[in-house]
């Protein structure tokens, strides 16, 4: 498995990054009430929180496929990682 990532350093970065996204998706989809309470948001915001969480869930599931299931490994997945970079950049700039 480490061969797919070229070395252990990139595997650790991959795991930490997408584990964070997976935790965020879980908090926004499954633990919506606690997530809303933590940020002092009214329950009417649950739809938008789950909507944002669904995008994070899609990224998390795709990362599992790309990193561990896909026969070619990370070869030719530059578009996926570019989208991840752009999404993270936009989240950084907006927040």
C-alpha atoms as a PDB file:
ATOM      1  CA  UNK A   1       0.000   0.000   0.000  1.00  0.00           C
ATOM      2  CA  UNK A   2       2.844   2.406   0.752  1.00  0.00           C
ATOM      3  CA  UNK A   3       4.030   1.917  -2.850  1.00  0.00           C
ATOM      4  CA  UNK A   4       0.822   3.585  -4.090  1.00  0.00           C
ATOM      5  CA  UNK A   5       1.759   6.729  -2.159  1.00  0.00           C
ATOM      6  CA  UNK A   6       5.519   6.631  -2.962  1.00  0.00           C
ATOM      7  CA  UNK A   7       6.444   6.773   0.745  1.00  0.00           C
ATOM      8  CA  UNK A   8       4.998   6.715   4.254  1.00  0.00           C
ATOM      9  CA  UNK A   9       5.016  10.530   4.556  1.00  0.00           C
ATOM     10  CA  UNK A  10       2.467  10.986   1.746  1.00  0.00           C
ATOM     11  CA  UNK A  11       0.350   8.142   3.106  1.00  0.00           C
ATOM     12  CA  UNK A  12       0.210   9.815   6.525  1.00  0.00           C
ATOM     13  CA  UNK A  13      -0.730  13.183   4.998  1.00  0.00           C
ATOM     14  CA  UNK A  14      -3.443  11.472   2.936  1.00  0.00           C
ATOM     15  CA  UNK A  15      -4.852   9.641   5.964  1.00  0.00           C
ATOM     16  CA  UNK A  16      -4.816  12.660   8.281  1.00  0.00           C
ATOM     17  CA  UNK A  17      -6.411  14.975   5.719  1.00  0.00           C
ATOM     18  CA  UNK A  18      -9.193  12.656   4.682  1.00  0.00           C
ATOM     19  CA  UNK A  19      -9.825  11.425   8.235  1.00  0.00           C
ATOM     20  CA  UNK A  20     -10.495  15.070   9.119  1.00  0.00           C
ATOM     21  CA  UNK A  21     -12.897  15.392   6.224  1.00  0.00           C
ATOM     22  CA  UNK A  22     -14.598  12.144   7.278  1.00  0.00           C
ATOM     23  CA  UNK A  23     -15.001  13.400  10.851  1.00  0.00           C
ATOM     24  CA  UNK A  24     -16.457  16.675   9.587  1.00  0.00           C
ATOM     25  CA  UNK A  25     -18.892  14.778   7.352  1.00  0.00           C
ATOM     26  CA  UNK A  26     -19.950  12.587  10.283  1.00  0.00           C
ATOM     27  CA  UNK A  27     -20.497  15.620  12.540  1.00  0.00           C
ATOM     28  CA  UNK A  28     -22.576  17.466   9.971  1.00  0.00           C
ATOM     29  CA  UNK A  29     -24.679  14.526   8.765  1.00  0.00           C
ATOM     30  CA  UNK A  30     -25.092  12.246  11.782  1.00  0.00           C
ATOM     31  CA  UNK A  31     -24.494  14.672  14.647  1.00  0.00           C
ATOM     32  CA  UNK A  32     -26.280  17.656  13.163  1.00  0.00           C
ATOM     33  CA  UNK A  33     -27.961  18.745  16.412  1.00  0.00           C
ATOM     34  CA  UNK A  34     -24.690  18.791  18.354  1.00  0.00           C
ATOM     35  CA  UNK A  35     -22.937  20.560  15.466  1.00  0.00           C
ATOM     36  CA  UNK A  36     -25.611  23.270  15.377  1.00  0.00           C
ATOM     37  CA  UNK A  37     -25.535  23.663  19.158  1.00  0.00           C
ATOM     38  CA  UNK A  38     -21.724  23.946  19.172  1.00  0.00           C
ATOM     39  CA  UNK A  39     -21.885  26.960  16.851  1.00  0.00           C
ATOM     40  CA  UNK A  40     -25.099  28.444  18.274  1.00  0.00           C
ATOM     41  CA  UNK A  41     -27.051  27.944  15.067  1.00  0.00           C
ATOM     42  CA  UNK A  42     -30.828  27.601  14.915  1.00  0.00           C
ATOM     43  CA  UNK A  43     -32.259  24.208  13.949  1.00  0.00           C
ATOM     44  CA  UNK A  44     -33.535  25.734  10.709  1.00  0.00           C
ATOM     45  CA  UNK A  45     -29.919  25.650   9.484  1.00  0.00           C
ATOM     46  CA  UNK A  46     -29.834  21.840   9.604  1.00  0.00           C
ATOM     47  CA  UNK A  47     -30.620  21.502   5.907  1.00  0.00           C
ATOM     48  CA  UNK A  48     -27.641  23.609   4.846  1.00  0.00           C
ATOM     49  CA  UNK A  49     -25.320  21.930   7.348  1.00  0.00           C
ATOM     50  CA  UNK A  50     -26.290  18.506   6.008  1.00  0.00           C
ATOM     51  CA  UNK A  51     -25.968  19.824   2.461  1.00  0.00           C
ATOM     52  CA  UNK A  52     -22.366  20.897   3.127  1.00  0.00           C
ATOM     53  CA  UNK A  53     -21.734  17.620   4.912  1.00  0.00           C
ATOM     54  CA  UNK A  54     -22.915  15.653   1.897  1.00  0.00           C
ATOM     55  CA  UNK A  55     -20.157  17.223  -0.194  1.00  0.00           C
ATOM     56  CA  UNK A  56     -17.590  16.283   2.430  1.00  0.00           C
ATOM     57  CA  UNK A  57     -18.975  12.735   2.542  1.00  0.00           C
ATOM     58  CA  UNK A  58     -18.592  12.465  -1.236  1.00  0.00           C
ATOM     59  CA  UNK A  59     -14.963  13.628  -0.999  1.00  0.00           C
ATOM     60  CA  UNK A  60     -14.290  11.151   1.803  1.00  0.00           C
ATOM     61  CA  UNK A  61     -15.812   8.202  -0.076  1.00  0.00           C
ATOM     62  CA  UNK A  62     -13.960   9.123  -3.249  1.00  0.00           C
ATOM     63  CA  UNK A  63     -10.682   9.337  -1.326  1.00  0.00           C
ATOM     64  CA  UNK A  64     -11.204   5.810   0.001  1.00  0.00           C
ATOM     65  CA  UNK A  65     -11.798   4.589  -3.529  1.00  0.00           C
ATOM     66  CA  UNK A  66      -8.845   6.454  -5.039  1.00  0.00           C
ATOM     67  CA  UNK A  67      -6.413   5.627  -2.260  1.00  0.00           C
ATOM     68  CA  UNK A  68      -7.241   2.053  -1.416  1.00  0.00           C
ATOM     69  CA  UNK A  69      -9.631   0.397  -3.899  1.00  0.00           C
ATOM     70  CA  UNK A  70      -8.737   1.729  -7.340  1.00  0.00           C
ATOM     71  CA  UNK A  71      -6.461  -0.719  -9.180  1.00  0.00           C
ATOM     72  CA  UNK A  72      -4.219   2.028 -10.595  1.00  0.00           C
ATOM     73  CA  UNK A  73      -3.693   3.631  -7.207  1.00  0.00           C
ATOM     74  CA  UNK A  74      -3.041   7.353  -7.330  1.00  0.00           C
ATOM     75  CA  UNK A  75      -1.854   7.340 -10.941  1.00  0.00           C
ATOM     76  CA  UNK A  76      -3.808   9.754 -13.144  1.00  0.00           C
ATOM     77  CA  UNK A  77      -5.881  11.172 -10.259  1.00  0.00           C
ATOM     78  CA  UNK A  78      -4.514  14.696 -10.549  1.00  0.00           C
ATOM     79  CA  UNK A  79      -7.991  16.117 -11.265  1.00  0.00           C
ATOM     80  CA  UNK A  80      -9.340  14.730  -7.972  1.00  0.00           C
ATOM     81  CA  UNK A  81      -6.496  16.257  -5.980  1.00  0.00           C
ATOM     82  CA  UNK A  82      -6.800  19.575  -7.847  1.00  0.00           C
ATOM     83  CA  UNK A  83     -10.480  19.751  -6.913  1.00  0.00           C
ATOM     84  CA  UNK A  84      -9.600  18.982  -3.290  1.00  0.00           C
ATOM     85  CA  UNK A  85      -6.999  21.760  -3.325  1.00  0.00           C
ATOM     86  CA  UNK A  86      -9.424  24.287  -4.835  1.00  0.00           C
ATOM     87  CA  UNK A  87     -12.167  23.368  -2.351  1.00  0.00           C
ATOM     88  CA  UNK A  88      -9.782  23.728   0.594  1.00  0.00           C
ATOM     89  CA  UNK A  89      -8.491  27.030  -0.766  1.00  0.00           C
ATOM     90  CA  UNK A  90     -12.029  28.380  -1.137  1.00  0.00           C
ATOM     91  CA  UNK A  91     -12.951  27.265   2.394  1.00  0.00           C
ATOM     92  CA  UNK A  92      -9.809  28.976   3.700  1.00  0.00           C
ATOM     93  CA  UNK A  93     -10.525  32.221   1.822  1.00  0.00           C
ATOM     94  CA  UNK A  94     -14.222  32.352   2.705  1.00  0.00           C
ATOM     95  CA  UNK A  95     -13.702  31.635   6.389  1.00  0.00           C
END
